[in-house]
Amino acid sequence: MVEGSVRRAGDQLRITVSLIDTMSDTPIWTERFDGSRNNVFAFQDQITAEIIAALQAQLTPAEQQAVEVRGTDNTAAHDAYLRGLWLLSARRRLDAEANKAAQAAFEEAIRLDPDYALAYAGLSWAKWLYIETNTFESPVMVFALAEKSLALDENALAHRTLARRHFSLLNFGVFTTKKTDLAVAQLEAAKKLQPSDPDVLADLAMVLSFAGRPKEALELIKTAMERNPNHPAWYYAASGIAYLLTEEPELAIRDLERWSESTPSWNVLQMFLASAYGLAGQTDAAVAAFEKNTSMFRGAMSLYAVKRKWPMKPAEEEIFLRGLRVAGVKEPPG
């Protein structure tokens, strides 16, 4: 494990970096670096190179490129971009004020460097999260920004955003084309660019369940959770739905309840919980979850509406609907 600290005095930086053996919890290498913020990219390259050497790591060409490429030579633009990402971190992504501040940071990065692809990707992602959790404005601008980002340079975040054009768990059927194969293609492109990014893996896992590949989804989300033990609660949405569609309702209930505890105001998860309870034979709990969805959604949802909102492959759809029938969800008359 790599850990470290940064101290700043004016434009001078002191960075201490250690490599920790996690089996014995002891440092195996420690180094201190002094440098100038005015030449921070060269300073960063020096530190990165020494860490790689200490690890005795052999980088693939793609990994080496990822280390070397930042997308901008403007340190102020890079600072603004990183500030935007911090504001969109797991504990802040549902915070409307933090989201607006993140958008302002990405806009500042774009002003400082109009060709900074990652800044456009960050702004697109922030706008999508705001639409998804705070308002139902048109996402046209979101996808236009993501496309502009990719036109400037390939990056995983823009691909993650464009995947939402074809799949969104919360707004599925409202803002999307319901073409999970196209969403998978976008997320596979993101995974190729950032194969170790747990958020990318979790996003892909979510879509794979709806694309008829829940077993693959389950393996992928387990890997994402291993790589990020302090993962955000939305990972449990991906694992819970994958467990549901592989007919492991008890594990699905466990993870969907974890998701529910973190975001009690979202009615979407109640439908998946209702199905999981139904498959587990917990009829009362299934009915209660469906009724909770009805009260939060301000109206009952039929099986026909469910199929339109969350289209799945036939085998997974039958599993999902079987649990919902226990909960009392019915086909509309005629």
C-alpha atoms as a PDB file:
ATOM      1  CA  MET A   1       0.000   0.000   0.000  1.00  0.00           C
ATOM      2  CA  VAL A   2       1.211   3.513  -0.836  1.00  0.00           C
ATOM      3  CA  GLU A   3       0.539   6.215   1.750  1.00  0.00           C
ATOM      4  CA  GLY A   4       1.890   9.673   2.287  1.00  0.00           C
ATOM      5  CA  SER A   5       1.414  13.282   3.323  1.00  0.00           C
ATOM      6  CA  VAL A   6       1.775  16.713   1.742  1.00  0.00           C
ATOM      7  CA  ARG A   7       2.912  19.898   3.463  1.00  0.00           C
ATOM      8  CA  ARG A   8       2.898  23.283   1.780  1.00  0.00           C
ATOM      9  CA  ALA A   9       4.695  26.523   2.647  1.00  0.00           C
ATOM     10  CA  GLY A  10       4.036  29.188   0.034  1.00  0.00           C
ATOM     11  CA  ASP A  11       4.967  27.624  -3.299  1.00  0.00           C
ATOM     12  CA  GLN A  12       7.176  24.959  -1.709  1.00  0.00           C
ATOM     13  CA  LEU A  13       5.915  21.407  -1.234  1.00  0.00           C
ATOM     14  CA  ARG A  14       7.224  18.616   0.953  1.00  0.00           C
ATOM     15  CA  ILE A  15       5.815  15.178   0.184  1.00  0.00           C
ATOM     16  CA  THR A  16       6.523  12.093   2.258  1.00  0.00           C
ATOM     17  CA  VAL A  17       5.733   8.740   0.687  1.00  0.00           C
ATOM     18  CA  SER A  18       5.856   5.265   2.220  1.00  0.00           C
ATOM     19  CA  LEU A  19       5.260   1.761   0.939  1.00  0.00           C
ATOM     20  CA  ILE A  20       3.587  -0.353   3.606  1.00  0.00           C
ATOM     21  CA  ASP A  21       3.638  -4.132   3.798  1.00  0.00           C
ATOM     22  CA  THR A  22      -0.039  -4.738   4.631  1.00  0.00           C
ATOM     23  CA  MET A  23       0.638  -8.260   5.959  1.00  0.00           C
ATOM     24  CA  SER A  24       2.911  -6.968   8.732  1.00  0.00           C
ATOM     25  CA  ASP A  25       1.758  -3.301   8.724  1.00  0.00           C
ATOM     26  CA  THR A  26       5.366  -2.125   8.536  1.00  0.00           C
ATOM     27  CA  PRO A  27       6.998   0.347   6.119  1.00  0.00           C
ATOM     28  CA  ILE A  28       9.387  -1.210   3.618  1.00  0.00           C
ATOM     29  CA  TRP A  29      10.387   2.051   1.913  1.00  0.00           C
ATOM     30  CA  THR A  30      10.035   5.726   2.848  1.00  0.00           C
ATOM     31  CA  GLU A  31      11.229   8.800   0.998  1.00  0.00           C
ATOM     32  CA  ARG A  32      10.829  12.562   1.365  1.00  0.00           C
ATOM     33  CA  PHE A  33      10.587  14.876  -1.628  1.00  0.00           C
ATOM     34  CA  ASP A  34      10.951  18.671  -1.715  1.00  0.00           C
ATOM     35  CA  GLY A  35       9.849  20.636  -4.727  1.00  0.00           C
ATOM     36  CA  SER A  36       8.072  23.668  -6.102  1.00  0.00           C
ATOM     37  CA  ARG A  37       4.373  23.982  -6.786  1.00  0.00           C
ATOM     38  CA  ASN A  38       5.320  26.033  -9.845  1.00  0.00           C
ATOM     39  CA  ASN A  39       6.764  22.898 -11.423  1.00  0.00           C
ATOM     40  CA  VAL A  40       4.367  20.425  -9.839  1.00  0.00           C
ATOM     41  CA  PHE A  41       4.007  18.124 -12.862  1.00  0.00           C
ATOM     42  CA  ALA A  42       7.747  17.437 -13.062  1.00  0.00           C
ATOM     43  CA  PHE A  43       7.731  16.959  -9.292  1.00  0.00           C
ATOM     44  CA  GLN A  44       4.857  14.487  -9.634  1.00  0.00           C
ATOM     45  CA  ASP A  45       6.701  12.576 -12.368  1.00  0.00           C
ATOM     46  CA  GLN A  46       9.769  12.259 -10.135  1.00  0.00           C
ATOM     47  CA  ILE A  47       7.747  10.846  -7.243  1.00  0.00           C
ATOM     48  CA  THR A  48       5.785   8.481  -9.500  1.00  0.00           C
ATOM     49  CA  ALA A  49       8.964   7.140 -11.095  1.00  0.00           C
ATOM     50  CA  GLU A  50      10.560   6.440  -7.701  1.00  0.00           C
ATOM     51  CA  ILE A  51       7.447   4.680  -6.388  1.00  0.00           C
ATOM     52  CA  ILE A  52       7.320   2.483  -9.500  1.00  0.00           C
ATOM     53  CA  ALA A  53      11.011   1.683  -9.077  1.00  0.00           C
ATOM     54  CA  ALA A  54      10.534   0.846  -5.387  1.00  0.00           C
ATOM     55  CA  LEU A  55       7.648  -1.459  -6.263  1.00  0.00           C
ATOM     56  CA  GLN A  56       9.782  -3.057  -8.986  1.00  0.00           C
ATOM     57  CA  ALA A  57       6.665  -2.764 -11.125  1.00  0.00           C
ATOM     58  CA  GLN A  58       6.667  -3.560 -14.830  1.00  0.00           C
ATOM     59  CA  LEU A  59       4.146  -1.243 -16.482  1.00  0.00           C
ATOM     60  CA  THR A  60       2.324  -2.132 -19.668  1.00  0.00           C
ATOM     61  CA  PRO A  61       2.443   0.505 -22.453  1.00  0.00           C
ATOM     62  CA  ALA A  62      -1.133   1.543 -21.563  1.00  0.00           C
ATOM     63  CA  GLU A  63      -0.228   1.915 -17.884  1.00  0.00           C
ATOM     64  CA  GLN A  64       2.872   3.911 -18.738  1.00  0.00           C
ATOM     65  CA  GLN A  65       0.774   6.226 -20.906  1.00  0.00           C
ATOM     66  CA  ALA A  66      -1.749   6.661 -18.089  1.00  0.00           C
ATOM     67  CA  VAL A  67       1.074   7.712 -15.754  1.00  0.00           C
ATOM     68  CA  GLU A  68       2.500  10.214 -18.232  1.00  0.00           C
ATOM     69  CA  VAL A  69      -0.628  11.818 -19.658  1.00  0.00           C
ATOM     70  CA  ARG A  70      -2.533  14.435 -17.650  1.00  0.00           C
ATOM     71  CA  GLY A  71      -4.415  16.198 -20.411  1.00  0.00           C
ATOM     72  CA  THR A  72      -3.194  19.704 -19.540  1.00  0.00           C
ATOM     73  CA  ASP A  73       0.004  21.596 -18.876  1.00  0.00           C
ATOM     74  CA  ASN A  74      -1.893  24.234 -16.911  1.00  0.00           C
ATOM     75  CA  THR A  75      -1.400  23.550 -13.206  1.00  0.00           C
ATOM     76  CA  ALA A  76      -4.256  25.849 -12.175  1.00  0.00           C
ATOM     77  CA  ALA A  77      -6.632  24.011 -14.524  1.00  0.00           C
ATOM     78  CA  HIS A  78      -5.457  20.693 -13.121  1.00  0.00           C
ATOM     79  CA  ASP A  79      -6.010  21.979  -9.563  1.00  0.00           C
ATOM     80  CA  ALA A  80      -9.557  23.055 -10.452  1.00  0.00           C
ATOM     81  CA  TYR A  81     -10.278  19.672 -12.031  1.00  0.00           C
ATOM     82  CA  LEU A  82      -9.032  17.810  -8.937  1.00  0.00           C
ATOM     83  CA  ARG A  83     -11.094  20.103  -6.709  1.00  0.00           C
ATOM     84  CA  GLY A  84     -14.175  19.223  -8.764  1.00  0.00           C
ATOM     85  CA  LEU A  85     -13.519  15.504  -8.353  1.00  0.00           C
ATOM     86  CA  TRP A  86     -13.110  15.935  -4.601  1.00  0.00           C
ATOM     87  CA  LEU A  87     -16.455  17.729  -4.408  1.00  0.00           C
ATOM     88  CA  LEU A  88     -18.064  14.786  -6.229  1.00  0.00           C
ATOM     89  CA  SER A  89     -16.522  12.198  -3.894  1.00  0.00           C
ATOM     90  CA  ALA A  90     -18.730   9.441  -2.480  1.00  0.00           C
ATOM     91  CA  ARG A  91     -20.011  11.365   0.524  1.00  0.00           C
ATOM     92  CA  ARG A  92     -20.774  14.495  -1.491  1.00  0.00           C
ATOM     93  CA  ARG A  93     -22.250  13.205  -4.750  1.00  0.00           C
ATOM     94  CA  LEU A  94     -25.836  13.612  -3.452  1.00  0.00           C
ATOM     95  CA  ASP A  95     -25.149  17.066  -2.003  1.00  0.00           C
ATOM     96  CA  ALA A  96     -26.694  19.672  -4.322  1.00  0.00           C
ATOM     97  CA  GLU A  97     -24.460  22.511  -3.088  1.00  0.00           C
ATOM     98  CA  ALA A  98     -21.292  20.427  -3.413  1.00  0.00           C
ATOM     99  CA  ASN A  99     -22.385  19.417  -6.921  1.00  0.00           C
ATOM    100  CA  LYS A 100     -22.870  23.044  -7.949  1.00  0.00           C
ATOM    101  CA  ALA A 101     -19.432  23.886  -6.542  1.00  0.00           C
ATOM    102  CA  ALA A 102     -17.954  20.961  -8.487  1.00  0.00           C
ATOM    103  CA  GLN A 103     -19.546  22.215 -11.696  1.00  0.00           C
ATOM    104  CA  ALA A 104     -18.043  25.653 -11.054  1.00  0.00           C
ATOM    105  CA  ALA A 105     -14.610  24.073 -10.523  1.00  0.00           C
ATOM    106  CA  PHE A 106     -14.798  22.138 -13.794  1.00  0.00           C
ATOM    107  CA  GLU A 107     -15.994  25.273 -15.611  1.00  0.00           C
ATOM    108  CA  GLU A 108     -12.983  27.125 -14.194  1.00  0.00           C
ATOM    109  CA  ALA A 109     -10.687  24.361 -15.493  1.00  0.00           C
ATOM    110  CA  ILE A 110     -12.261  24.690 -18.943  1.00  0.00           C
ATOM    111  CA  ARG A 111     -11.838  28.480 -18.855  1.00  0.00           C
ATOM    112  CA  LEU A 112      -8.153  28.061 -17.997  1.00  0.00           C
ATOM    113  CA  ASP A 113      -7.623  25.364 -20.648  1.00  0.00           C
ATOM    114  CA  PRO A 114     -10.403  25.108 -23.281  1.00  0.00           C
ATOM    115  CA  ASP A 115      -8.859  21.895 -24.653  1.00  0.00           C
ATOM    116  CA  TYR A 116      -8.798  20.043 -21.311  1.00  0.00           C
ATOM    117  CA  ALA A 117     -10.765  16.870 -22.073  1.00  0.00           C
ATOM    118  CA  LEU A 118     -11.020  15.677 -18.470  1.00  0.00           C
ATOM    119  CA  ALA A 119     -12.551  18.987 -17.362  1.00  0.00           C
ATOM    120  CA  TYR A 120     -15.388  18.542 -19.884  1.00  0.00           C
ATOM    121  CA  ALA A 121     -15.815  14.951 -18.701  1.00  0.00           C
ATOM    122  CA  GLY A 122     -15.966  16.095 -15.086  1.00  0.00           C
ATOM    123  CA  LEU A 123     -18.538  18.789 -15.864  1.00  0.00           C
ATOM    124  CA  SER A 124     -20.645  16.290 -17.806  1.00  0.00           C
ATOM    125  CA  TRP A 125     -20.510  13.783 -14.953  1.00  0.00           C
ATOM    126  CA  ALA A 126     -21.396  16.416 -12.341  1.00  0.00           C
ATOM    127  CA  LYS A 127     -24.382  17.599 -14.370  1.00  0.00           C
ATOM    128  CA  TRP A 128     -25.588  14.016 -14.767  1.00  0.00           C
ATOM    129  CA  LEU A 129     -25.377  13.366 -11.020  1.00  0.00           C
ATOM    130  CA  TYR A 130     -27.290  16.578 -10.381  1.00  0.00           C
ATOM    131  CA  ILE A 131     -30.043  15.580 -12.828  1.00  0.00           C
ATOM    132  CA  GLU A 132     -30.162  12.071 -11.402  1.00  0.00           C
ATOM    133  CA  THR A 133     -30.551  13.122  -7.786  1.00  0.00           C
ATOM    134  CA  ASN A 134     -31.927  16.670  -7.679  1.00  0.00           C
ATOM    135  CA  THR A 135     -33.905  17.600 -10.779  1.00  0.00           C
ATOM    136  CA  PHE A 136     -35.368  16.205 -13.993  1.00  0.00           C
ATOM    137  CA  GLU A 137     -33.915  18.612 -16.515  1.00  0.00           C
ATOM    138  CA  SER A 138     -33.005  17.450 -20.011  1.00  0.00           C
ATOM    139  CA  PRO A 139     -29.678  15.608 -20.167  1.00  0.00           C
ATOM    140  CA  VAL A 140     -28.912  16.835 -23.712  1.00  0.00           C
ATOM    141  CA  MET A 141     -26.133  19.124 -22.475  1.00  0.00           C
ATOM    142  CA  VAL A 142     -24.691  16.290 -20.358  1.00  0.00           C
ATOM    143  CA  PHE A 143     -24.103  14.032 -23.328  1.00  0.00           C
ATOM    144  CA  ALA A 144     -22.893  16.888 -25.564  1.00  0.00           C
ATOM    145  CA  LEU A 145     -20.178  17.701 -23.010  1.00  0.00           C
ATOM    146  CA  ALA A 146     -19.165  14.040 -22.765  1.00  0.00           C
ATOM    147  CA  GLU A 147     -18.915  13.790 -26.552  1.00  0.00           C
ATOM    148  CA  LYS A 148     -16.800  16.963 -26.677  1.00  0.00           C
ATOM    149  CA  SER A 149     -14.529  15.462 -24.025  1.00  0.00           C
ATOM    150  CA  LEU A 150     -13.989  12.303 -26.089  1.00  0.00           C
ATOM    151  CA  ALA A 151     -13.411  14.368 -29.230  1.00  0.00           C
ATOM    152  CA  LEU A 152     -10.510  16.030 -27.396  1.00  0.00           C
ATOM    153  CA  ASP A 153      -9.086  12.871 -25.815  1.00  0.00           C
ATOM    154  CA  GLU A 154     -10.138   9.356 -24.809  1.00  0.00           C
ATOM    155  CA  ASN A 155     -11.054   9.063 -21.128  1.00  0.00           C
ATOM    156  CA  ALA A 156     -13.038   6.702 -18.930  1.00  0.00           C
ATOM    157  CA  LEU A 157     -15.231   9.289 -17.211  1.00  0.00           C
ATOM    158  CA  ALA A 158     -16.789  10.512 -20.463  1.00  0.00           C
ATOM    159  CA  HIS A 159     -17.536   6.906 -21.467  1.00  0.00           C
ATOM    160  CA  ARG A 160     -19.189   6.320 -18.065  1.00  0.00           C
ATOM    161  CA  THR A 161     -21.406   9.349 -18.628  1.00  0.00           C
ATOM    162  CA  LEU A 162     -22.347   8.335 -22.173  1.00  0.00           C
ATOM    163  CA  ALA A 163     -23.338   4.898 -20.885  1.00  0.00           C
ATOM    164  CA  ARG A 164     -26.189   6.697 -19.068  1.00  0.00           C
ATOM    165  CA  ARG A 165     -27.668   7.585 -22.444  1.00  0.00           C
ATOM    166  CA  HIS A 166     -28.509   3.898 -22.805  1.00  0.00           C
ATOM    167  CA  PHE A 167     -28.936   2.797 -19.188  1.00  0.00           C
ATOM    168  CA  SER A 168     -29.787   4.446 -15.891  1.00  0.00           C
ATOM    169  CA  LEU A 169     -31.178   2.538 -12.942  1.00  0.00           C
ATOM    170  CA  LEU A 170     -32.937   5.562 -11.450  1.00  0.00           C
ATOM    171  CA  ASN A 171     -34.234   7.164 -14.636  1.00  0.00           C
ATOM    172  CA  PHE A 172     -34.435   4.139 -16.885  1.00  0.00           C
ATOM    173  CA  GLY A 173     -37.093   4.722 -19.529  1.00  0.00           C
ATOM    174  CA  VAL A 174     -37.122   8.491 -18.938  1.00  0.00           C
ATOM    175  CA  PHE A 175     -33.789   9.750 -20.240  1.00  0.00           C
ATOM    176  CA  THR A 176     -32.384   6.622 -21.875  1.00  0.00           C
ATOM    177  CA  THR A 177     -32.721   4.464 -24.970  1.00  0.00           C
ATOM    178  CA  LYS A 178     -33.012   1.207 -22.958  1.00  0.00           C
ATOM    179  CA  LYS A 179     -30.217  -0.355 -25.065  1.00  0.00           C
ATOM    180  CA  THR A 180     -28.048  -2.083 -22.496  1.00  0.00           C
ATOM    181  CA  ASP A 181     -25.700  -3.488 -25.137  1.00  0.00           C
ATOM    182  CA  LEU A 182     -24.678   0.064 -26.050  1.00  0.00           C
ATOM    183  CA  ALA A 183     -24.207   0.929 -22.380  1.00  0.00           C
ATOM    184  CA  VAL A 184     -22.023  -2.161 -21.957  1.00  0.00           C
ATOM    185  CA  ALA A 185     -19.917  -1.064 -24.951  1.00  0.00           C
ATOM    186  CA  GLN A 186     -19.315   2.374 -23.395  1.00  0.00           C
ATOM    187  CA  LEU A 187     -18.359   0.873 -20.037  1.00  0.00           C
ATOM    188  CA  GLU A 188     -16.118  -1.757 -21.620  1.00  0.00           C
ATOM    189  CA  ALA A 189     -14.301   1.155 -23.289  1.00  0.00           C
ATOM    190  CA  ALA A 190     -13.972   2.826 -19.876  1.00  0.00           C
ATOM    191  CA  LYS A 191     -12.691  -0.417 -18.365  1.00  0.00           C
ATOM    192  CA  LYS A 192     -10.080  -0.759 -21.104  1.00  0.00           C
ATOM    193  CA  LEU A 193      -8.793   2.718 -20.235  1.00  0.00           C
ATOM    194  CA  GLN A 194      -8.948   2.241 -16.444  1.00  0.00           C
ATOM    195  CA  PRO A 195      -9.033  -1.514 -15.764  1.00  0.00           C
ATOM    196  CA  SER A 196      -8.385  -1.146 -12.029  1.00  0.00           C
ATOM    197  CA  ASP A 197     -10.914   1.617 -11.327  1.00  0.00           C
ATOM    198  CA  PRO A 198     -13.504   0.108  -8.939  1.00  0.00           C
ATOM    199  CA  ASP A 199     -16.194   2.648  -9.896  1.00  0.00           C
ATOM    200  CA  VAL A 200     -15.873   1.646 -13.546  1.00  0.00           C
ATOM    201  CA  LEU A 201     -16.160  -2.026 -12.585  1.00  0.00           C
ATOM    202  CA  ALA A 202     -19.218  -1.325 -10.408  1.00  0.00           C
ATOM    203  CA  ASP A 203     -20.918   0.626 -13.202  1.00  0.00           C
ATOM    204  CA  LEU A 204     -20.266  -2.200 -15.644  1.00  0.00           C
ATOM    205  CA  ALA A 205     -21.520  -4.779 -13.155  1.00  0.00           C
ATOM    206  CA  MET A 206     -24.811  -2.926 -12.818  1.00  0.00           C
ATOM    207  CA  VAL A 207     -25.419  -2.869 -16.564  1.00  0.00           C
ATOM    208  CA  LEU A 208     -24.370  -6.494 -17.097  1.00  0.00           C
ATOM    209  CA  SER A 209     -27.189  -7.700 -14.834  1.00  0.00           C
ATOM    210  CA  PHE A 210     -29.749  -6.015 -17.079  1.00  0.00           C
ATOM    211  CA  ALA A 211     -27.937  -7.251 -20.190  1.00  0.00           C
ATOM    212  CA  GLY A 212     -28.509 -10.903 -19.225  1.00  0.00           C
ATOM    213  CA  ARG A 213     -25.098 -11.457 -17.618  1.00  0.00           C
ATOM    214  CA  PRO A 214     -25.732 -11.304 -13.835  1.00  0.00           C
ATOM    215  CA  LYS A 215     -23.134 -13.982 -12.992  1.00  0.00           C
ATOM    216  CA  GLU A 216     -20.423 -11.897 -14.664  1.00  0.00           C
ATOM    217  CA  ALA A 217     -21.829  -8.852 -12.888  1.00  0.00           C
ATOM    218  CA  LEU A 218     -21.486 -10.565  -9.530  1.00  0.00           C
ATOM    219  CA  GLU A 219     -17.823 -11.404 -10.074  1.00  0.00           C
ATOM    220  CA  LEU A 220     -17.119  -7.879 -11.262  1.00  0.00           C
ATOM    221  CA  ILE A 221     -18.794  -6.153  -8.318  1.00  0.00           C
ATOM    222  CA  LYS A 222     -16.974  -8.453  -5.894  1.00  0.00           C
ATOM    223  CA  THR A 223     -13.695  -7.364  -7.492  1.00  0.00           C
ATOM    224  CA  ALA A 224     -14.741  -3.694  -7.252  1.00  0.00           C
ATOM    225  CA  MET A 225     -15.510  -4.120  -3.541  1.00  0.00           C
ATOM    226  CA  GLU A 226     -12.155  -5.811  -2.927  1.00  0.00           C
ATOM    227  CA  ARG A 227     -10.332  -2.953  -4.640  1.00  0.00           C
ATOM    228  CA  ASN A 228     -12.272  -0.347  -2.677  1.00  0.00           C
ATOM    229  CA  PRO A 229     -13.151  -1.740   0.776  1.00  0.00           C
ATOM    230  CA  ASN A 230     -14.549   1.688   1.729  1.00  0.00           C
ATOM    231  CA  HIS A 231     -16.761   1.778  -1.345  1.00  0.00           C
ATOM    232  CA  PRO A 232     -19.867   3.987  -1.532  1.00  0.00           C
ATOM    233  CA  ALA A 233     -23.233   2.429  -0.722  1.00  0.00           C
ATOM    234  CA  TRP A 234     -24.406   2.417  -4.339  1.00  0.00           C
ATOM    235  CA  TYR A 235     -22.123  -0.582  -4.955  1.00  0.00           C
ATOM    236  CA  TYR A 236     -24.715  -2.558  -2.973  1.00  0.00           C
ATOM    237  CA  ALA A 237     -27.268  -1.743  -5.657  1.00  0.00           C
ATOM    238  CA  ALA A 238     -25.102  -3.553  -8.215  1.00  0.00           C
ATOM    239  CA  SER A 239     -24.409  -6.538  -5.954  1.00  0.00           C
ATOM    240  CA  GLY A 240     -27.988  -6.753  -4.652  1.00  0.00           C
ATOM    241  CA  ILE A 241     -29.513  -6.794  -8.128  1.00  0.00           C
ATOM    242  CA  ALA A 242     -26.929  -9.327  -9.348  1.00  0.00           C
ATOM    243  CA  TYR A 243     -27.741 -11.614  -6.405  1.00  0.00           C
ATOM    244  CA  LEU A 244     -31.461 -11.162  -7.113  1.00  0.00           C
ATOM    245  CA  LEU A 245     -31.098 -12.147 -10.773  1.00  0.00           C
ATOM    246  CA  THR A 246     -28.894 -15.152  -9.949  1.00  0.00           C
ATOM    247  CA  GLU A 247     -31.674 -16.307  -7.581  1.00  0.00           C
ATOM    248  CA  GLU A 248     -29.827 -15.749  -4.316  1.00  0.00           C
ATOM    249  CA  PRO A 249     -32.588 -13.722  -2.623  1.00  0.00           C
ATOM    250  CA  GLU A 250     -31.193 -13.779   0.925  1.00  0.00           C
ATOM    251  CA  LEU A 251     -27.928 -12.199  -0.231  1.00  0.00           C
ATOM    252  CA  ALA A 252     -29.896  -9.823  -2.443  1.00  0.00           C
ATOM    253  CA  ILE A 253     -31.968  -8.712   0.571  1.00  0.00           C
ATOM    254  CA  ARG A 254     -28.819  -8.197   2.637  1.00  0.00           C
ATOM    255  CA  ASP A 255     -27.224  -5.870   0.078  1.00  0.00           C
ATOM    256  CA  LEU A 256     -30.398  -4.121  -1.059  1.00  0.00           C
ATOM    257  CA  GLU A 257     -31.221  -3.298   2.566  1.00  0.00           C
ATOM    258  CA  ARG A 258     -27.716  -1.826   2.931  1.00  0.00           C
ATOM    259  CA  TRP A 259     -28.421   0.300  -0.131  1.00  0.00           C
ATOM    260  CA  SER A 260     -31.820   1.286   1.263  1.00  0.00           C
ATOM    261  CA  GLU A 261     -30.313   2.422   4.557  1.00  0.00           C
ATOM    262  CA  SER A 262     -27.991   4.798   2.712  1.00  0.00           C
ATOM    263  CA  THR A 263     -30.638   6.308   0.400  1.00  0.00           C
ATOM    264  CA  PRO A 264     -34.042   5.867   2.079  1.00  0.00           C
ATOM    265  CA  SER A 265     -35.690   8.500  -0.144  1.00  0.00           C
ATOM    266  CA  TRP A 266     -35.258   6.528  -3.399  1.00  0.00           C
ATOM    267  CA  ASN A 267     -38.350   4.534  -4.313  1.00  0.00           C
ATOM    268  CA  VAL A 268     -36.539   2.541  -7.025  1.00  0.00           C
ATOM    269  CA  LEU A 269     -34.823   0.165  -4.644  1.00  0.00           C
ATOM    270  CA  GLN A 270     -38.152  -0.827  -3.053  1.00  0.00           C
ATOM    271  CA  MET A 271     -39.165  -2.650  -6.251  1.00  0.00           C
ATOM    272  CA  PHE A 272     -36.002  -4.740  -6.203  1.00  0.00           C
ATOM    273  CA  LEU A 273     -36.399  -5.357  -2.480  1.00  0.00           C
ATOM    274  CA  ALA A 274     -40.025  -6.395  -3.039  1.00  0.00           C
ATOM    275  CA  SER A 275     -38.914  -8.946  -5.627  1.00  0.00           C
ATOM    276  CA  ALA A 276     -36.113 -10.277  -3.394  1.00  0.00           C
ATOM    277  CA  TYR A 277     -38.477 -10.648  -0.436  1.00  0.00           C
ATOM    278  CA  GLY A 278     -40.965 -12.394  -2.702  1.00  0.00           C
ATOM    279  CA  LEU A 279     -38.380 -14.878  -3.974  1.00  0.00           C
ATOM    280  CA  ALA A 280     -37.301 -15.549  -0.385  1.00  0.00           C
ATOM    281  CA  GLY A 281     -40.885 -16.346   0.599  1.00  0.00           C
ATOM    282  CA  GLN A 282     -41.194 -13.284   2.835  1.00  0.00           C
ATOM    283  CA  THR A 283     -44.623 -12.297   1.557  1.00  0.00           C
ATOM    284  CA  ASP A 284     -45.439  -9.639   4.167  1.00  0.00           C
ATOM    285  CA  ALA A 285     -42.105  -7.899   3.636  1.00  0.00           C
ATOM    286  CA  ALA A 286     -42.560  -8.082  -0.147  1.00  0.00           C
ATOM    287  CA  VAL A 287     -46.004  -6.478   0.059  1.00  0.00           C
ATOM    288  CA  ALA A 288     -44.719  -3.793   2.442  1.00  0.00           C
ATOM    289  CA  ALA A 289     -41.831  -2.901   0.100  1.00  0.00           C
ATOM    290  CA  PHE A 290     -44.167  -2.639  -2.881  1.00  0.00           C
ATOM    291  CA  GLU A 291     -46.608  -0.497  -0.899  1.00  0.00           C
ATOM    292  CA  LYS A 292     -43.721   1.735   0.166  1.00  0.00           C
ATOM    293  CA  ASN A 293     -42.759   2.128  -3.487  1.00  0.00           C
ATOM    294  CA  THR A 294     -46.378   2.983  -4.296  1.00  0.00           C
ATOM    295  CA  SER A 295     -46.547   5.693  -1.623  1.00  0.00           C
ATOM    296  CA  MET A 296     -43.164   7.174  -2.628  1.00  0.00           C
ATOM    297  CA  PHE A 297     -43.920   6.945  -6.363  1.00  0.00           C
ATOM    298  CA  ARG A 298     -47.450   8.293  -5.799  1.00  0.00           C
ATOM    299  CA  GLY A 299     -49.097   5.432  -7.627  1.00  0.00           C
ATOM    300  CA  ALA A 300     -48.987   1.677  -8.047  1.00  0.00           C
ATOM    301  CA  MET A 301     -46.795   0.209 -10.760  1.00  0.00           C
ATOM    302  CA  SER A 302     -48.006  -2.725 -12.861  1.00  0.00           C
ATOM    303  CA  LEU A 303     -45.822  -5.540 -14.172  1.00  0.00           C
ATOM    304  CA  TYR A 304     -46.161  -3.980 -17.622  1.00  0.00           C
ATOM    305  CA  ALA A 305     -44.796  -0.668 -16.293  1.00  0.00           C
ATOM    306  CA  VAL A 306     -41.978  -2.485 -14.505  1.00  0.00           C
ATOM    307  CA  LYS A 307     -40.943  -4.230 -17.725  1.00  0.00           C
ATOM    308  CA  ARG A 308     -40.898  -0.902 -19.576  1.00  0.00           C
ATOM    309  CA  LYS A 309     -38.963   0.893 -16.828  1.00  0.00           C
ATOM    310  CA  TRP A 310     -36.340  -1.819 -16.266  1.00  0.00           C
ATOM    311  CA  PRO A 311     -36.166  -4.012 -19.394  1.00  0.00           C
ATOM    312  CA  MET A 312     -34.185  -7.226 -18.935  1.00  0.00           C
ATOM    313  CA  LYS A 313     -33.405 -10.357 -20.899  1.00  0.00           C
ATOM    314  CA  PRO A 314     -36.234 -12.946 -20.708  1.00  0.00           C
ATOM    315  CA  ALA A 315     -34.629 -15.262 -18.120  1.00  0.00           C
ATOM    316  CA  GLU A 316     -33.756 -12.456 -15.696  1.00  0.00           C
ATOM    317  CA  GLU A 317     -37.063 -10.687 -16.298  1.00  0.00           C
ATOM    318  CA  GLU A 318     -38.988 -13.807 -15.283  1.00  0.00           C
ATOM    319  CA  ILE A 319     -37.002 -14.046 -12.028  1.00  0.00           C
ATOM    320  CA  PHE A 320     -37.632 -10.367 -11.252  1.00  0.00           C
ATOM    321  CA  LEU A 321     -41.357 -10.551 -12.047  1.00  0.00           C
ATOM    322  CA  ARG A 322     -41.825 -13.814 -10.160  1.00  0.00           C
ATOM    323  CA  GLY A 323     -40.783 -12.111  -6.948  1.00  0.00           C
ATOM    324  CA  LEU A 324     -42.954  -9.073  -7.699  1.00  0.00           C
ATOM    325  CA  ARG A 325     -46.044 -11.224  -8.238  1.00  0.00           C
ATOM    326  CA  VAL A 326     -45.662 -12.422  -4.652  1.00  0.00           C
ATOM    327  CA  ALA A 327     -45.575  -8.769  -3.609  1.00  0.00           C
ATOM    328  CA  GLY A 328     -48.931  -8.218  -5.321  1.00  0.00           C
ATOM    329  CA  VAL A 329     -47.772  -6.451  -8.477  1.00  0.00           C
ATOM    330  CA  LYS A 330     -50.250  -7.302 -11.235  1.00  0.00           C
ATOM    331  CA  GLU A 331     -50.679  -6.995 -14.969  1.00  0.00           C
ATOM    332  CA  PRO A 332     -53.136  -4.248 -15.923  1.00  0.00           C
ATOM    333  CA  PRO A 333     -56.569  -5.494 -17.025  1.00  0.00           C
ATOM    334  CA  GLY A 334     -56.855  -6.179 -20.731  1.00  0.00           C
END
